[in-house]
Protein backbone atom coordinates (compact mmCIF):
# COMPACT_ATOMS: atom_id res chain seq x y z
CA MET A 1 66.65 -40.68 -5.42
CA ASN A 2 63.06 -42.09 -5.49
CA ASN A 3 60.32 -41.86 -2.98
CA LYS A 4 61.39 -45.02 -1.24
CA GLU A 5 65.02 -44.06 -0.98
CA PHE A 6 64.03 -40.71 0.12
CA ILE A 7 61.33 -41.88 2.98
CA ALA A 8 64.29 -44.20 3.93
CA GLU A 9 67.32 -41.55 4.37
CA LEU A 10 64.70 -39.01 6.26
CA ALA A 11 63.39 -41.92 8.78
CA ARG A 12 67.49 -42.45 9.39
CA ARG A 13 68.04 -38.85 9.83
CA THR A 14 65.12 -38.55 12.20
CA LYS A 15 65.80 -41.62 14.25
CA SER A 16 62.32 -43.18 13.37
CA ASN A 17 60.86 -46.02 11.32
CA ALA A 18 60.02 -45.60 7.45
CA LYS A 19 56.39 -46.14 8.22
CA GLU A 20 55.89 -43.31 10.61
CA THR A 21 58.14 -41.38 8.36
CA GLN A 22 55.58 -42.04 5.18
CA GLN A 23 52.71 -41.26 7.44
CA ARG A 24 53.99 -37.84 8.03
CA MET A 25 55.17 -37.06 4.46
CA ASN A 26 51.42 -38.29 3.25
CA ILE A 27 50.06 -35.57 6.07
CA LEU A 28 52.60 -32.94 4.83
CA VAL A 29 51.66 -33.65 1.17
CA LYS A 30 47.90 -33.37 1.96
CA GLU A 31 48.34 -29.99 3.76
CA ILE A 32 50.14 -28.43 1.21
CA THR A 33 47.77 -29.86 -1.68
CA GLU A 34 44.80 -28.65 0.51
CA HIS A 35 46.47 -25.06 0.86
CA LEU A 36 47.33 -24.89 -2.77
CA CYS A 37 43.86 -25.43 -3.95
CA ASN A 38 42.51 -22.48 -1.97
CA GLU A 39 45.18 -20.71 -3.38
CA ASP A 40 47.22 -19.78 -0.50
CA LEU A 41 50.90 -19.13 -0.73
CA ILE A 42 53.37 -21.46 1.08
CA SER A 43 56.76 -20.59 1.65
CA ILE A 44 59.04 -22.65 3.43
CA THR A 45 62.42 -21.01 4.88
CA ASN A 46 65.62 -21.56 2.95
CA PHE A 47 63.81 -23.47 0.70
CA GLY A 48 61.47 -21.62 -1.41
CA THR A 49 57.84 -20.80 -2.19
CA PHE A 50 54.66 -22.57 -3.77
CA GLU A 51 51.76 -21.05 -5.12
CA THR A 52 49.18 -21.40 -7.63
CA LYS A 53 48.52 -19.45 -10.96
CA LYS A 54 46.04 -19.08 -13.46
CA ARG A 55 47.15 -19.88 -16.70
CA LEU A 56 44.78 -18.15 -19.39
CA GLU A 57 43.04 -19.53 -22.20
CA ARG A 58 45.01 -19.91 -25.37
CA VAL A 59 44.83 -20.93 -29.06
CA LEU A 60 47.57 -23.90 -30.51
CA VAL A 61 48.16 -24.53 -33.79
CA SER A 62 48.95 -28.31 -34.73
CA PRO A 63 52.29 -28.04 -36.48
CA THR A 64 51.53 -31.07 -39.02
CA THR A 65 47.47 -30.41 -39.58
CA GLY A 66 47.47 -26.73 -39.04
CA GLN A 67 44.57 -27.36 -37.01
CA ARG A 68 43.72 -24.50 -34.31
CA MET A 69 42.67 -25.78 -30.69
CA LEU A 70 41.20 -23.72 -27.80
CA VAL A 71 42.99 -24.55 -24.38
CA PRO A 72 40.81 -24.00 -21.55
CA PRO A 73 42.33 -21.74 -18.58
CA LYS A 74 43.73 -23.81 -15.75
CA MET A 75 45.19 -23.35 -12.45
CA VAL A 76 49.01 -24.45 -12.08
CA VAL A 77 51.47 -24.86 -9.38
CA GLY A 78 54.73 -22.39 -9.60
CA PHE A 79 57.93 -23.00 -7.06
CA LYS A 80 60.50 -20.22 -6.46
CA GLN A 81 63.72 -21.62 -4.94
CA SER A 82 64.85 -19.57 -2.16
CA ASN A 83 68.27 -17.52 -2.77
CA VAL A 84 69.98 -19.86 0.17
CA LEU A 85 68.95 -23.00 -1.63
CA LYS A 86 70.01 -21.64 -4.69
CA SER A 87 73.70 -20.49 -3.40
CA LYS A 88 74.09 -23.89 -2.11
CA ILE A 89 73.22 -25.96 -5.30
CA GLN A 90 75.90 -23.79 -7.07
C-alpha cells in the first residue's frame, strides 16, 4: 500500500475527504518527528513504541580495498511492536 492508497482508505474509514486526511497525517508525522528529535519516547497503545537511540562511533573496513573508515555517531529511530499487534499479524 502506498501513501496515496493509505490516505484514501483512511479517508473512507473516517468519512472525510482525502485532503483533510492528508493534512491530519502531515500534522501527526510532524508531531512524532518533533518528539523524536527531542529524544522523547512515543508509545501508541496496541501498536508499538518509537524511540531514539544513539548509534556509537565505529570503524568499517571496505572489503574490496581494505581501507578503514570511521563512521561518526548518530541518532536513529527504533520501533518495537506491541504484543497485541504481533499476535494479530501472525
